[in-house]
């Protein structure tokens, strides 16, 4: 893997983790969005996995491009 692929994978993993945290824990959201309760664990995991899958597809597409 090239350095750019590793960077894309790290950014995607971080984005997936942040997505899970923002969906699951409303106290870390911006004040105007804290009024909405936490998402279910299933929805939070599904959202994080969706972001992770899109990141993995991006890394794969970048690898195929070269």
C-alpha atoms as a PDB file:
ATOM      1  CA  UNK A   1       0.000   0.000   0.000  1.00  0.00           C
ATOM      2  CA  UNK A   2       1.154   3.477  -0.768  1.00  0.00           C
ATOM      3  CA  UNK A   3       1.206   6.237   1.785  1.00  0.00           C
ATOM      4  CA  UNK A   4      -1.856   7.881   0.224  1.00  0.00           C
ATOM      5  CA  UNK A   5      -3.856   4.660   0.560  1.00  0.00           C
ATOM      6  CA  UNK A   6      -2.852   4.331   4.200  1.00  0.00           C
ATOM      7  CA  UNK A   7      -3.857   7.939   4.819  1.00  0.00           C
ATOM      8  CA  UNK A   8      -7.250   7.378   3.169  1.00  0.00           C
ATOM      9  CA  UNK A   9      -7.794   4.268   5.283  1.00  0.00           C
ATOM     10  CA  UNK A  10      -6.887   6.115   8.498  1.00  0.00           C
ATOM     11  CA  UNK A  11      -9.162   9.029   7.671  1.00  0.00           C
ATOM     12  CA  UNK A  12     -11.999   6.640   6.853  1.00  0.00           C
ATOM     13  CA  UNK A  13     -11.527   4.730  10.093  1.00  0.00           C
ATOM     14  CA  UNK A  14     -11.503   7.972  12.063  1.00  0.00           C
ATOM     15  CA  UNK A  15     -14.610   9.225  10.286  1.00  0.00           C
ATOM     16  CA  UNK A  16     -16.362   5.955  11.048  1.00  0.00           C
ATOM     17  CA  UNK A  17     -15.480   6.225  14.739  1.00  0.00           C
ATOM     18  CA  UNK A  18     -16.617   9.856  14.916  1.00  0.00           C
ATOM     19  CA  UNK A  19     -19.881   8.946  13.181  1.00  0.00           C
ATOM     20  CA  UNK A  20     -20.557   6.232  15.754  1.00  0.00           C
ATOM     21  CA  UNK A  21     -19.783   8.559  18.667  1.00  0.00           C
ATOM     22  CA  UNK A  22     -21.915  11.411  17.356  1.00  0.00           C
ATOM     23  CA  UNK A  23     -24.859   9.120  16.720  1.00  0.00           C
ATOM     24  CA  UNK A  24     -24.625   7.301  20.039  1.00  0.00           C
ATOM     25  CA  UNK A  25     -23.673  10.060  22.478  1.00  0.00           C
ATOM     26  CA  UNK A  26     -25.745  13.249  22.072  1.00  0.00           C
ATOM     27  CA  UNK A  27     -23.781  15.197  24.701  1.00  0.00           C
ATOM     28  CA  UNK A  28     -20.833  15.599  22.296  1.00  0.00           C
ATOM     29  CA  UNK A  29     -22.978  17.059  19.501  1.00  0.00           C
ATOM     30  CA  UNK A  30     -23.343  20.760  18.841  1.00  0.00           C
ATOM     31  CA  UNK A  31     -25.862  22.414  21.215  1.00  0.00           C
ATOM     32  CA  UNK A  32     -28.691  22.732  18.707  1.00  0.00           C
ATOM     33  CA  UNK A  33     -28.556  18.975  18.008  1.00  0.00           C
ATOM     34  CA  UNK A  34     -28.237  17.805  21.605  1.00  0.00           C
ATOM     35  CA  UNK A  35     -31.989  17.928  22.042  1.00  0.00           C
ATOM     36  CA  UNK A  36     -32.346  14.794  19.938  1.00  0.00           C
ATOM     37  CA  UNK A  37     -31.713  11.620  21.869  1.00  0.00           C
ATOM     38  CA  UNK A  38     -29.122   8.976  21.085  1.00  0.00           C
ATOM     39  CA  UNK A  39     -29.632   6.637  18.167  1.00  0.00           C
ATOM     40  CA  UNK A  40     -30.010   2.950  18.899  1.00  0.00           C
ATOM     41  CA  UNK A  41     -26.891   0.834  19.036  1.00  0.00           C
ATOM     42  CA  UNK A  42     -27.926  -0.925  15.825  1.00  0.00           C
ATOM     43  CA  UNK A  43     -28.393   2.336  13.932  1.00  0.00           C
ATOM     44  CA  UNK A  44     -25.105   3.715  15.248  1.00  0.00           C
ATOM     45  CA  UNK A  45     -23.169   0.619  14.210  1.00  0.00           C
ATOM     46  CA  UNK A  46     -24.875   0.549  10.812  1.00  0.00           C
ATOM     47  CA  UNK A  47     -24.006   4.221  10.221  1.00  0.00           C
ATOM     48  CA  UNK A  48     -20.387   3.655  11.209  1.00  0.00           C
ATOM     49  CA  UNK A  49     -20.137   0.553   9.016  1.00  0.00           C
ATOM     50  CA  UNK A  50     -21.575   2.480   6.081  1.00  0.00           C
ATOM     51  CA  UNK A  51     -18.872   5.137   6.416  1.00  0.00           C
ATOM     52  CA  UNK A  52     -16.219   2.438   6.812  1.00  0.00           C
ATOM     53  CA  UNK A  53     -17.468   0.626   3.694  1.00  0.00           C
ATOM     54  CA  UNK A  54     -17.400   3.838   1.651  1.00  0.00           C
ATOM     55  CA  UNK A  55     -13.872   4.469   2.884  1.00  0.00           C
ATOM     56  CA  UNK A  56     -12.773   0.953   1.951  1.00  0.00           C
ATOM     57  CA  UNK A  57     -14.292   1.358  -1.517  1.00  0.00           C
ATOM     58  CA  UNK A  58     -12.440   4.641  -1.925  1.00  0.00           C
ATOM     59  CA  UNK A  59      -9.127   3.014  -0.982  1.00  0.00           C
ATOM     60  CA  UNK A  60      -9.828   0.130  -3.361  1.00  0.00           C
ATOM     61  CA  UNK A  61     -10.770   2.479  -6.209  1.00  0.00           C
ATOM     62  CA  UNK A  62      -7.618   4.486  -5.643  1.00  0.00           C
ATOM     63  CA  UNK A  63      -5.549   1.284  -5.722  1.00  0.00           C
ATOM     64  CA  UNK A  64      -7.175   0.144  -8.960  1.00  0.00           C
ATOM     65  CA  UNK A  65      -6.689   3.581 -10.512  1.00  0.00           C
ATOM     66  CA  UNK A  66      -2.916   3.261 -10.175  1.00  0.00           C
END
